[in-house]
Amino acid sequence: MALKAFLVEGLVEAGCDEAGRGCLAGPVTAAAVILPPDFVCPELNDSKQLTERARERLRPVIEREAVAWAVAMVSAAEIDHLNILAASILAMHRALDALDVRPEHILVDGNRFRPYGGVPHTTIIKGDATMMSIAAASVLAKTHRDELMRELDSLWPGYGWAGNKGYPTAAHRDAIRRLGTTPHHRRTFQLLERPTLFDDL
């Protein structure tokens, strides 16, 4: 199914999405993207449905052709202080703050958001597989976060972050057991045992 270019015709719409909510380590990262009305990119889709190579190929296309884009992060320490939902929304607000163009309407992947400066918003479940601007934001959020986790892997070797990107793999949990935690681990998450529910919230 082809992605929709806009939800409300004639408005400057910014799509927002995040990456890294279910990780044990690293920040939660969000992107906000405003695309031109004539933007065409048949390969663009929800970042989770794309290969890493496809995401990396799309990133410079989106960054070059977007009317405006921004990426923002909320650290593990902030996540522990706020909770992951509030941190995810804060990351999206920070990304919107960093846009060079003020949107007239915000499209958000999922079903939870907090009002942003009086700008109308619409939450869309599976929006990253429905709206072009949200899909573009999902690609930027994911690729920028993955890049950071590869950098952190070189500074904190042993946890496999270049491969697992901080997600709760068995090998990552085993490394925490053996090596302990780092400043980038989310202390309020269940780091050593997989809970029966909600691990990927």
N, C-alpha and C. Protein backbone atom coordinates (compact mmCIF):
# COMPACT_ATOMS: atom_id res chain seq x y z
N MET A 1 0.85 -1.20 0.00
CA MET A 1 0.00 0.00 0.00
C MET A 1 0.88 1.25 0.00
N ALA A 2 0.58 2.18 -0.90
CA ALA A 2 1.38 3.39 -1.00
C ALA A 2 1.14 4.28 0.22
N LEU A 3 2.18 4.92 0.67
CA LEU A 3 2.07 5.83 1.80
C LEU A 3 1.39 7.13 1.37
N LYS A 4 0.66 7.74 2.29
CA LYS A 4 -0.01 9.00 2.01
C LYS A 4 0.96 10.16 2.19
N ALA A 5 0.88 11.14 1.29
CA ALA A 5 1.78 12.29 1.35
C ALA A 5 1.39 13.24 2.48
N PHE A 6 0.09 13.34 2.77
CA PHE A 6 -0.37 14.25 3.82
C PHE A 6 -1.70 13.78 4.35
N LEU A 7 -2.06 14.25 5.53
CA LEU A 7 -3.35 13.92 6.11
C LEU A 7 -4.35 15.03 5.85
N VAL A 8 -3.89 16.29 6.01
CA VAL A 8 -4.75 17.46 5.76
C VAL A 8 -4.12 18.26 4.64
N GLU A 9 -4.75 18.27 3.50
CA GLU A 9 -4.20 18.95 2.34
C GLU A 9 -4.07 20.45 2.60
N GLY A 10 -2.94 21.01 2.19
CA GLY A 10 -2.72 22.45 2.30
C GLY A 10 -2.03 22.90 3.57
N LEU A 11 -1.82 21.99 4.53
CA LEU A 11 -1.12 22.35 5.76
C LEU A 11 0.32 21.85 5.71
N VAL A 12 1.18 22.58 6.42
CA VAL A 12 2.57 22.13 6.59
C VAL A 12 2.57 21.10 7.70
N GLU A 13 2.75 19.84 7.32
CA GLU A 13 2.67 18.75 8.29
C GLU A 13 4.05 18.21 8.62
N ALA A 14 4.30 18.00 9.90
CA ALA A 14 5.53 17.37 10.36
C ALA A 14 5.20 15.99 10.89
N GLY A 15 5.88 14.98 10.36
CA GLY A 15 5.73 13.64 10.88
C GLY A 15 6.73 13.39 11.99
N CYS A 16 6.31 12.71 13.05
CA CYS A 16 7.19 12.41 14.19
C CYS A 16 7.16 10.92 14.49
N ASP A 17 8.33 10.40 14.83
CA ASP A 17 8.42 9.02 15.29
C ASP A 17 9.66 8.88 16.16
N GLU A 18 9.72 7.78 16.91
CA GLU A 18 10.86 7.56 17.81
C GLU A 18 11.46 6.19 17.57
N ALA A 19 12.65 6.00 18.11
CA ALA A 19 13.34 4.72 18.05
C ALA A 19 14.01 4.47 19.39
N GLY A 20 14.01 3.21 19.82
CA GLY A 20 14.74 2.84 21.03
C GLY A 20 13.94 2.78 22.30
N ARG A 21 12.62 2.75 22.21
CA ARG A 21 11.83 2.69 23.44
C ARG A 21 12.08 1.41 24.23
N GLY A 22 12.24 0.30 23.53
CA GLY A 22 12.36 -0.98 24.22
C GLY A 22 13.78 -1.38 24.56
N CYS A 23 14.73 -0.47 24.42
CA CYS A 23 16.14 -0.81 24.67
C CYS A 23 16.46 -0.80 26.16
N LEU A 24 17.52 -1.50 26.51
CA LEU A 24 18.05 -1.48 27.87
C LEU A 24 19.10 -0.40 28.05
N ALA A 25 19.68 0.07 26.95
CA ALA A 25 20.76 1.05 27.02
C ALA A 25 20.61 2.05 25.89
N GLY A 26 21.19 3.24 26.13
CA GLY A 26 21.16 4.28 25.12
C GLY A 26 19.93 5.16 25.23
N PRO A 27 19.92 6.24 24.47
CA PRO A 27 18.81 7.18 24.53
C PRO A 27 17.61 6.69 23.75
N VAL A 28 16.47 7.31 24.00
CA VAL A 28 15.36 7.21 23.07
C VAL A 28 15.51 8.38 22.12
N THR A 29 15.31 8.12 20.84
CA THR A 29 15.61 9.09 19.81
C THR A 29 14.36 9.37 18.99
N ALA A 30 14.13 10.63 18.68
CA ALA A 30 12.96 10.99 17.87
C ALA A 30 13.39 11.87 16.72
N ALA A 31 12.61 11.82 15.66
CA ALA A 31 12.82 12.69 14.52
C ALA A 31 11.51 13.37 14.15
N ALA A 32 11.63 14.56 13.59
CA ALA A 32 10.50 15.28 13.02
C ALA A 32 10.88 15.65 11.60
N VAL A 33 10.00 15.39 10.66
CA VAL A 33 10.30 15.60 9.24
C VAL A 33 9.13 16.30 8.55
N ILE A 34 9.45 17.35 7.82
CA ILE A 34 8.48 18.01 6.94
C ILE A 34 8.94 17.75 5.51
N LEU A 35 8.10 17.07 4.74
CA LEU A 35 8.44 16.74 3.36
C LEU A 35 7.75 17.70 2.39
N PRO A 36 8.35 17.92 1.24
CA PRO A 36 7.67 18.74 0.22
C PRO A 36 6.46 17.99 -0.34
N PRO A 37 5.46 18.72 -0.82
CA PRO A 37 4.25 18.06 -1.33
C PRO A 37 4.51 17.11 -2.50
N ASP A 38 5.57 17.37 -3.25
CA ASP A 38 5.85 16.53 -4.42
C ASP A 38 6.88 15.45 -4.14
N PHE A 39 7.16 15.17 -2.87
CA PHE A 39 8.16 14.16 -2.53
C PHE A 39 7.69 12.78 -2.98
N VAL A 40 8.57 12.07 -3.67
CA VAL A 40 8.28 10.72 -4.15
C VAL A 40 9.45 9.82 -3.79
N CYS A 41 9.15 8.71 -3.11
CA CYS A 41 10.19 7.75 -2.75
C CYS A 41 9.53 6.38 -2.55
N PRO A 42 9.41 5.60 -3.61
CA PRO A 42 8.69 4.33 -3.51
C PRO A 42 9.26 3.36 -2.48
N GLU A 43 10.55 3.47 -2.17
CA GLU A 43 11.16 2.53 -1.23
C GLU A 43 10.83 2.85 0.22
N LEU A 44 10.41 4.08 0.48
CA LEU A 44 10.17 4.52 1.85
C LEU A 44 9.05 3.72 2.51
N ASN A 45 9.32 3.29 3.75
CA ASN A 45 8.34 2.51 4.50
C ASN A 45 8.71 2.62 5.97
N ASP A 46 7.89 2.06 6.82
CA ASP A 46 8.21 1.94 8.24
C ASP A 46 9.62 1.38 8.39
N SER A 47 10.47 2.04 9.18
CA SER A 47 11.87 1.64 9.27
C SER A 47 12.04 0.20 9.73
N LYS A 48 11.07 -0.30 10.52
CA LYS A 48 11.18 -1.68 11.01
C LYS A 48 10.98 -2.69 9.88
N GLN A 49 10.36 -2.25 8.79
CA GLN A 49 10.14 -3.14 7.65
C GLN A 49 11.27 -3.08 6.63
N LEU A 50 12.25 -2.22 6.87
CA LEU A 50 13.37 -2.03 5.95
C LEU A 50 14.63 -2.69 6.50
N THR A 51 15.51 -3.09 5.62
CA THR A 51 16.81 -3.58 6.06
C THR A 51 17.66 -2.41 6.51
N GLU A 52 18.70 -2.71 7.28
CA GLU A 52 19.61 -1.65 7.71
C GLU A 52 20.22 -0.94 6.51
N ARG A 53 20.57 -1.70 5.50
CA ARG A 53 21.16 -1.09 4.30
C ARG A 53 20.17 -0.15 3.62
N ALA A 54 18.90 -0.55 3.54
CA ALA A 54 17.88 0.32 2.93
C ALA A 54 17.69 1.59 3.73
N ARG A 55 17.68 1.47 5.07
CA ARG A 55 17.52 2.67 5.91
C ARG A 55 18.68 3.63 5.69
N GLU A 56 19.90 3.08 5.63
CA GLU A 56 21.06 3.95 5.44
C GLU A 56 21.06 4.58 4.05
N ARG A 57 20.49 3.90 3.09
CA ARG A 57 20.39 4.44 1.74
C ARG A 57 19.35 5.57 1.69
N LEU A 58 18.27 5.42 2.46
CA LEU A 58 17.20 6.42 2.46
C LEU A 58 17.55 7.67 3.27
N ARG A 59 18.37 7.51 4.29
CA ARG A 59 18.66 8.64 5.18
C ARG A 59 19.14 9.88 4.43
N PRO A 60 20.17 9.80 3.57
CA PRO A 60 20.61 11.03 2.91
C PRO A 60 19.57 11.58 1.94
N VAL A 61 18.74 10.72 1.37
CA VAL A 61 17.68 11.19 0.47
C VAL A 61 16.69 12.05 1.26
N ILE A 62 16.27 11.56 2.40
CA ILE A 62 15.32 12.30 3.25
C ILE A 62 15.95 13.60 3.73
N GLU A 63 17.18 13.53 4.21
CA GLU A 63 17.82 14.73 4.75
C GLU A 63 18.04 15.78 3.67
N ARG A 64 18.30 15.33 2.45
CA ARG A 64 18.54 16.27 1.35
C ARG A 64 17.25 16.90 0.83
N GLU A 65 16.19 16.12 0.75
CA GLU A 65 14.98 16.57 0.07
C GLU A 65 13.90 17.12 1.00
N ALA A 66 14.02 16.88 2.29
CA ALA A 66 13.01 17.38 3.23
C ALA A 66 13.02 18.91 3.26
N VAL A 67 11.85 19.48 3.47
CA VAL A 67 11.75 20.92 3.71
C VAL A 67 12.48 21.26 5.01
N ALA A 68 12.32 20.41 6.00
CA ALA A 68 13.01 20.57 7.29
C ALA A 68 13.02 19.21 7.98
N TRP A 69 14.07 18.96 8.75
CA TRP A 69 14.13 17.74 9.55
C TRP A 69 15.01 18.00 10.77
N ALA A 70 14.77 17.23 11.81
CA ALA A 70 15.57 17.34 13.02
C ALA A 70 15.48 16.03 13.79
N VAL A 71 16.55 15.74 14.51
CA VAL A 71 16.62 14.54 15.36
C VAL A 71 17.00 14.99 16.76
N ALA A 72 16.37 14.41 17.76
CA ALA A 72 16.66 14.76 19.15
C ALA A 72 16.66 13.49 20.00
N MET A 73 17.38 13.56 21.12
CA MET A 73 17.51 12.39 21.99
C MET A 73 17.22 12.75 23.44
N VAL A 74 16.77 11.75 24.18
CA VAL A 74 16.59 11.86 25.63
C VAL A 74 17.41 10.74 26.25
N SER A 75 18.30 11.09 27.14
CA SER A 75 19.30 10.16 27.66
C SER A 75 18.70 9.10 28.57
N ALA A 76 19.50 8.08 28.83
CA ALA A 76 19.07 7.01 29.74
C ALA A 76 18.75 7.57 31.13
N ALA A 77 19.57 8.51 31.60
CA ALA A 77 19.32 9.11 32.92
C ALA A 77 17.99 9.85 32.94
N GLU A 78 17.69 10.55 31.85
CA GLU A 78 16.41 11.26 31.78
C GLU A 78 15.25 10.28 31.70
N ILE A 79 15.44 9.19 30.97
CA ILE A 79 14.40 8.15 30.90
C ILE A 79 14.11 7.61 32.30
N ASP A 80 15.16 7.33 33.06
CA ASP A 80 14.98 6.82 34.42
C ASP A 80 14.24 7.82 35.30
N HIS A 81 14.47 9.11 35.07
CA HIS A 81 13.82 10.14 35.87
C HIS A 81 12.36 10.34 35.47
N LEU A 82 12.07 10.23 34.17
CA LEU A 82 10.74 10.58 33.67
C LEU A 82 9.81 9.39 33.54
N ASN A 83 10.26 8.31 32.94
CA ASN A 83 9.60 7.10 32.45
C ASN A 83 9.68 7.14 30.93
N ILE A 84 9.58 5.98 30.31
CA ILE A 84 9.89 5.88 28.89
C ILE A 84 8.85 6.58 28.01
N LEU A 85 7.58 6.56 28.40
CA LEU A 85 6.57 7.24 27.58
C LEU A 85 6.81 8.75 27.58
N ALA A 86 6.99 9.32 28.77
CA ALA A 86 7.23 10.76 28.85
C ALA A 86 8.52 11.14 28.13
N ALA A 87 9.54 10.29 28.24
CA ALA A 87 10.81 10.57 27.57
C ALA A 87 10.66 10.53 26.05
N SER A 88 9.86 9.58 25.55
CA SER A 88 9.64 9.49 24.11
C SER A 88 8.94 10.73 23.57
N ILE A 89 7.95 11.20 24.30
CA ILE A 89 7.23 12.41 23.89
C ILE A 89 8.15 13.62 23.98
N LEU A 90 8.96 13.68 25.04
CA LEU A 90 9.92 14.78 25.17
C LEU A 90 10.90 14.80 23.99
N ALA A 91 11.37 13.64 23.58
CA ALA A 91 12.28 13.57 22.43
C ALA A 91 11.60 14.13 21.18
N MET A 92 10.32 13.81 20.97
CA MET A 92 9.59 14.34 19.82
C MET A 92 9.43 15.85 19.92
N HIS A 93 9.14 16.35 21.12
CA HIS A 93 9.04 17.80 21.31
C HIS A 93 10.38 18.47 21.02
N ARG A 94 11.47 17.88 21.46
CA ARG A 94 12.78 18.45 21.19
C ARG A 94 13.09 18.46 19.69
N ALA A 95 12.69 17.41 19.00
CA ALA A 95 12.90 17.39 17.55
C ALA A 95 12.07 18.48 16.88
N LEU A 96 10.85 18.65 17.30
CA LEU A 96 10.01 19.72 16.75
C LEU A 96 10.60 21.09 17.05
N ASP A 97 11.14 21.27 18.25
CA ASP A 97 11.80 22.53 18.62
C ASP A 97 12.93 22.87 17.65
N ALA A 98 13.61 21.85 17.16
CA ALA A 98 14.81 22.05 16.34
C ALA A 98 14.51 22.25 14.86
N LEU A 99 13.26 22.11 14.46
CA LEU A 99 12.92 22.32 13.04
C LEU A 99 13.12 23.78 12.65
N ASP A 100 13.59 23.99 11.43
CA ASP A 100 13.74 25.34 10.90
C ASP A 100 12.42 25.94 10.44
N VAL A 101 11.44 25.07 10.21
CA VAL A 101 10.12 25.49 9.74
C VAL A 101 9.09 25.07 10.78
N ARG A 102 8.20 25.97 11.14
CA ARG A 102 7.19 25.62 12.13
C ARG A 102 6.03 24.91 11.44
N PRO A 103 5.69 23.72 11.90
CA PRO A 103 4.58 22.99 11.28
C PRO A 103 3.24 23.58 11.68
N GLU A 104 2.24 23.33 10.83
CA GLU A 104 0.87 23.73 11.12
C GLU A 104 0.04 22.55 11.62
N HIS A 105 0.59 21.36 11.49
CA HIS A 105 -0.08 20.15 11.93
C HIS A 105 0.99 19.10 12.18
N ILE A 106 0.84 18.34 13.26
CA ILE A 106 1.83 17.32 13.63
C ILE A 106 1.18 15.94 13.52
N LEU A 107 1.88 15.03 12.85
CA LEU A 107 1.44 13.64 12.75
C LEU A 107 2.36 12.79 13.60
N VAL A 108 1.80 11.99 14.49
CA VAL A 108 2.59 11.23 15.45
C VAL A 108 2.28 9.75 15.32
N ASP A 109 3.32 8.94 15.22
CA ASP A 109 3.13 7.50 15.20
C ASP A 109 2.68 7.02 16.58
N GLY A 110 1.67 6.16 16.61
CA GLY A 110 1.20 5.63 17.89
C GLY A 110 -0.10 6.27 18.33
N ASN A 111 -0.38 6.19 19.62
CA ASN A 111 -1.65 6.73 20.13
C ASN A 111 -1.47 7.63 21.35
N ARG A 112 -0.22 8.02 21.64
CA ARG A 112 0.01 8.87 22.81
C ARG A 112 0.90 10.05 22.43
N PHE A 113 0.48 11.25 22.84
CA PHE A 113 1.26 12.46 22.59
C PHE A 113 0.76 13.52 23.56
N ARG A 114 1.56 14.54 23.75
CA ARG A 114 1.14 15.67 24.57
C ARG A 114 1.17 16.91 23.70
N PRO A 115 0.21 17.82 23.88
CA PRO A 115 0.13 18.99 23.01
C PRO A 115 1.46 19.73 22.91
N TYR A 116 1.73 20.22 21.70
CA TYR A 116 2.97 20.92 21.43
C TYR A 116 2.67 22.34 20.97
N GLY A 117 2.84 23.28 21.89
CA GLY A 117 2.78 24.70 21.55
C GLY A 117 1.54 25.15 20.81
N GLY A 118 0.42 24.51 21.05
CA GLY A 118 -0.81 24.93 20.39
C GLY A 118 -0.96 24.45 18.96
N VAL A 119 0.01 23.68 18.46
CA VAL A 119 -0.08 23.16 17.10
C VAL A 119 -0.97 21.91 17.12
N PRO A 120 -1.98 21.85 16.27
CA PRO A 120 -2.84 20.65 16.25
C PRO A 120 -2.03 19.40 15.92
N HIS A 121 -2.42 18.28 16.51
CA HIS A 121 -1.73 17.03 16.22
C HIS A 121 -2.72 15.89 16.04
N THR A 122 -2.28 14.89 15.32
CA THR A 122 -3.07 13.68 15.12
C THR A 122 -2.18 12.48 15.39
N THR A 123 -2.62 11.59 16.27
CA THR A 123 -1.89 10.35 16.50
C THR A 123 -2.45 9.28 15.58
N ILE A 124 -1.55 8.48 15.01
CA ILE A 124 -1.95 7.47 14.04
C ILE A 124 -1.27 6.15 14.39
N ILE A 125 -2.05 5.17 14.78
CA ILE A 125 -1.50 3.84 15.04
C ILE A 125 -0.98 3.26 13.73
N LYS A 126 0.24 2.76 13.77
CA LYS A 126 0.94 2.29 12.57
C LYS A 126 1.10 3.40 11.55
N GLY A 127 1.27 4.61 12.07
CA GLY A 127 1.44 5.76 11.18
C GLY A 127 2.69 5.68 10.34
N ASP A 128 3.71 4.96 10.85
CA ASP A 128 4.95 4.84 10.08
C ASP A 128 4.77 3.94 8.87
N ALA A 129 3.68 3.21 8.81
CA ALA A 129 3.37 2.41 7.63
C ALA A 129 2.22 3.01 6.83
N THR A 130 1.82 4.24 7.21
CA THR A 130 0.68 4.90 6.57
C THR A 130 1.05 6.24 5.95
N MET A 131 1.78 7.06 6.72
CA MET A 131 2.08 8.43 6.30
C MET A 131 3.56 8.56 5.92
N MET A 132 3.80 9.24 4.81
CA MET A 132 5.16 9.37 4.30
C MET A 132 6.07 10.12 5.28
N SER A 133 5.57 11.20 5.89
CA SER A 133 6.41 12.00 6.77
C SER A 133 6.76 11.23 8.05
N ILE A 134 5.83 10.41 8.55
CA ILE A 134 6.13 9.62 9.74
C ILE A 134 7.14 8.53 9.39
N ALA A 135 6.97 7.89 8.23
CA ALA A 135 7.93 6.88 7.80
C ALA A 135 9.33 7.48 7.66
N ALA A 136 9.40 8.69 7.11
CA ALA A 136 10.70 9.36 6.98
C ALA A 136 11.30 9.65 8.35
N ALA A 137 10.45 10.06 9.29
CA ALA A 137 10.93 10.31 10.66
C ALA A 137 11.42 9.02 11.30
N SER A 138 10.73 7.91 11.03
CA SER A 138 11.15 6.64 11.63
C SER A 138 12.53 6.23 11.11
N VAL A 139 12.78 6.48 9.82
CA VAL A 139 14.09 6.15 9.25
C VAL A 139 15.19 7.01 9.88
N LEU A 140 14.95 8.32 10.01
CA LEU A 140 15.98 9.18 10.60
C LEU A 140 16.21 8.86 12.07
N ALA A 141 15.14 8.64 12.82
CA ALA A 141 15.31 8.32 14.24
C ALA A 141 16.13 7.04 14.40
N LYS A 142 15.81 6.04 13.62
CA LYS A 142 16.49 4.75 13.73
C LYS A 142 17.95 4.84 13.30
N THR A 143 18.22 5.47 12.16
CA THR A 143 19.60 5.51 11.67
C THR A 143 20.50 6.38 12.54
N HIS A 144 19.97 7.49 13.03
CA HIS A 144 20.79 8.34 13.90
C HIS A 144 21.08 7.64 15.22
N ARG A 145 20.08 6.93 15.76
CA ARG A 145 20.31 6.21 17.02
C ARG A 145 21.30 5.07 16.81
N ASP A 146 21.13 4.32 15.72
CA ASP A 146 22.05 3.22 15.44
C ASP A 146 23.49 3.72 15.32
N GLU A 147 23.66 4.87 14.67
CA GLU A 147 24.99 5.45 14.53
C GLU A 147 25.60 5.76 15.90
N LEU A 148 24.79 6.33 16.79
CA LEU A 148 25.27 6.63 18.14
C LEU A 148 25.65 5.35 18.88
N MET A 149 24.82 4.32 18.77
CA MET A 149 25.11 3.08 19.49
C MET A 149 26.39 2.42 18.99
N ARG A 150 26.69 2.56 17.70
CA ARG A 150 27.96 2.05 17.20
C ARG A 150 29.13 2.83 17.80
N GLU A 151 28.96 4.14 17.96
CA GLU A 151 30.01 4.95 18.59
C GLU A 151 30.18 4.57 20.06
N LEU A 152 29.06 4.37 20.77
CA LEU A 152 29.13 3.99 22.18
C LEU A 152 29.74 2.60 22.35
N ASP A 153 29.54 1.73 21.37
CA ASP A 153 30.12 0.39 21.44
C ASP A 153 31.64 0.45 21.48
N SER A 154 32.22 1.40 20.77
CA SER A 154 33.68 1.53 20.78
C SER A 154 34.19 2.08 22.10
N LEU A 155 33.35 2.82 22.81
CA LEU A 155 33.74 3.39 24.10
C LEU A 155 33.45 2.43 25.25
N TRP A 156 32.43 1.60 25.09
CA TRP A 156 32.03 0.64 26.12
C TRP A 156 31.94 -0.74 25.48
N PRO A 157 33.08 -1.34 25.13
CA PRO A 157 33.05 -2.64 24.44
C PRO A 157 32.58 -3.76 25.37
N GLY A 158 32.08 -4.79 24.75
CA GLY A 158 31.67 -5.97 25.50
C GLY A 158 30.18 -6.20 25.56
N TYR A 159 29.39 -5.15 25.26
CA TYR A 159 27.94 -5.29 25.35
C TYR A 159 27.29 -5.58 23.99
N GLY A 160 28.08 -5.49 22.94
CA GLY A 160 27.56 -5.80 21.61
C GLY A 160 26.65 -4.75 21.02
N TRP A 161 26.79 -3.49 21.46
CA TRP A 161 25.85 -2.46 21.02
C TRP A 161 25.91 -2.17 19.53
N ALA A 162 27.05 -2.42 18.90
CA ALA A 162 27.13 -2.21 17.45
C ALA A 162 26.16 -3.14 16.73
N GLY A 163 25.91 -4.30 17.33
CA GLY A 163 24.98 -5.26 16.73
C GLY A 163 23.58 -5.18 17.30
N ASN A 164 23.47 -5.20 18.65
CA ASN A 164 22.13 -5.25 19.25
C ASN A 164 21.52 -3.87 19.49
N LYS A 165 22.33 -2.81 19.33
CA LYS A 165 21.87 -1.42 19.45
C LYS A 165 21.24 -1.11 20.83
N GLY A 166 21.58 -1.94 21.82
CA GLY A 166 21.05 -1.71 23.16
C GLY A 166 19.77 -2.45 23.47
N TYR A 167 19.26 -3.22 22.50
CA TYR A 167 18.02 -3.97 22.74
C TYR A 167 18.28 -5.16 23.67
N PRO A 168 17.22 -5.70 24.26
CA PRO A 168 17.37 -6.74 25.29
C PRO A 168 17.60 -8.13 24.73
N THR A 169 18.73 -8.33 24.06
CA THR A 169 19.08 -9.67 23.60
C THR A 169 19.66 -10.46 24.77
N ALA A 170 19.68 -11.78 24.62
CA ALA A 170 20.25 -12.63 25.67
C ALA A 170 21.72 -12.30 25.88
N ALA A 171 22.44 -12.04 24.80
CA ALA A 171 23.86 -11.73 24.90
C ALA A 171 24.08 -10.40 25.62
N HIS A 172 23.21 -9.43 25.37
CA HIS A 172 23.33 -8.14 26.06
C HIS A 172 23.10 -8.31 27.56
N ARG A 173 22.08 -9.07 27.91
CA ARG A 173 21.80 -9.29 29.34
C ARG A 173 22.94 -10.08 30.00
N ASP A 174 23.50 -11.01 29.27
CA ASP A 174 24.63 -11.77 29.82
C ASP A 174 25.82 -10.85 30.06
N ALA A 175 26.05 -9.91 29.15
CA ALA A 175 27.16 -8.95 29.31
C ALA A 175 26.93 -8.06 30.54
N ILE A 176 25.69 -7.66 30.77
CA ILE A 176 25.39 -6.86 31.97
C ILE A 176 25.69 -7.67 33.22
N ARG A 177 25.36 -8.96 33.17
CA ARG A 177 25.62 -9.85 34.31
C ARG A 177 27.12 -9.93 34.59
N ARG A 178 27.90 -10.01 33.52
CA ARG A 178 29.35 -10.20 33.67
C ARG A 178 30.09 -8.90 33.93
N LEU A 179 29.69 -7.83 33.25
CA LEU A 179 30.46 -6.57 33.27
C LEU A 179 29.84 -5.49 34.13
N GLY A 180 28.58 -5.68 34.52
CA GLY A 180 27.90 -4.62 35.26
C GLY A 180 27.27 -3.62 34.29
N THR A 181 26.75 -2.53 34.83
CA THR A 181 26.08 -1.53 34.01
C THR A 181 27.02 -0.38 33.67
N THR A 182 26.60 0.42 32.70
CA THR A 182 27.33 1.62 32.29
C THR A 182 26.43 2.83 32.55
N PRO A 183 26.95 4.04 32.39
CA PRO A 183 26.09 5.22 32.52
C PRO A 183 24.99 5.28 31.46
N HIS A 184 25.10 4.45 30.44
CA HIS A 184 24.11 4.47 29.36
C HIS A 184 23.01 3.44 29.55
N HIS A 185 23.08 2.65 30.59
CA HIS A 185 22.01 1.68 30.87
C HIS A 185 20.86 2.35 31.62
N ARG A 186 19.66 1.90 31.34
CA ARG A 186 18.46 2.43 31.96
C ARG A 186 18.20 1.65 33.25
N ARG A 187 18.51 2.25 34.36
CA ARG A 187 18.47 1.53 35.64
C ARG A 187 17.05 1.14 36.06
N THR A 188 16.05 1.84 35.55
CA THR A 188 14.67 1.51 35.93
C THR A 188 14.09 0.39 35.09
N PHE A 189 14.84 -0.08 34.09
CA PHE A 189 14.39 -1.21 33.27
C PHE A 189 14.86 -2.51 33.92
N GLN A 190 14.22 -3.61 33.57
CA GLN A 190 14.63 -4.91 34.09
C GLN A 190 15.80 -5.41 33.24
N LEU A 191 16.98 -5.15 33.73
CA LEU A 191 18.18 -5.36 32.91
C LEU A 191 18.60 -6.82 32.82
N LEU A 192 18.33 -7.60 33.84
CA LEU A 192 18.85 -8.97 33.86
C LEU A 192 17.82 -10.03 33.52
N GLU A 193 16.56 -9.74 33.72
CA GLU A 193 15.54 -10.75 33.47
C GLU A 193 14.49 -10.19 32.53
N ARG A 194 14.08 -11.01 31.60
CA ARG A 194 13.02 -10.59 30.70
C ARG A 194 11.68 -10.69 31.39
N PRO A 195 10.94 -9.59 31.54
CA PRO A 195 9.62 -9.69 32.16
C PRO A 195 8.67 -10.45 31.25
N THR A 196 7.61 -10.93 31.80
CA THR A 196 6.69 -11.74 31.02
C THR A 196 5.88 -10.87 30.05
N LEU A 197 5.73 -9.59 30.36
CA LEU A 197 4.93 -8.71 29.52
C LEU A 197 5.65 -7.37 29.37
N PHE A 198 5.33 -6.67 28.28
CA PHE A 198 5.68 -5.26 28.12
C PHE A 198 7.17 -4.98 27.94
N ASP A 199 7.96 -5.96 27.58
CA ASP A 199 9.40 -5.71 27.43
C ASP A 199 9.70 -4.74 26.31
N ASP A 200 8.82 -4.67 25.30
CA ASP A 200 9.11 -3.83 24.15
C ASP A 200 8.24 -2.56 24.11
N LEU A 201 7.68 -2.19 25.24
CA LEU A 201 6.89 -0.95 25.28
C LEU A 201 7.78 0.25 25.08
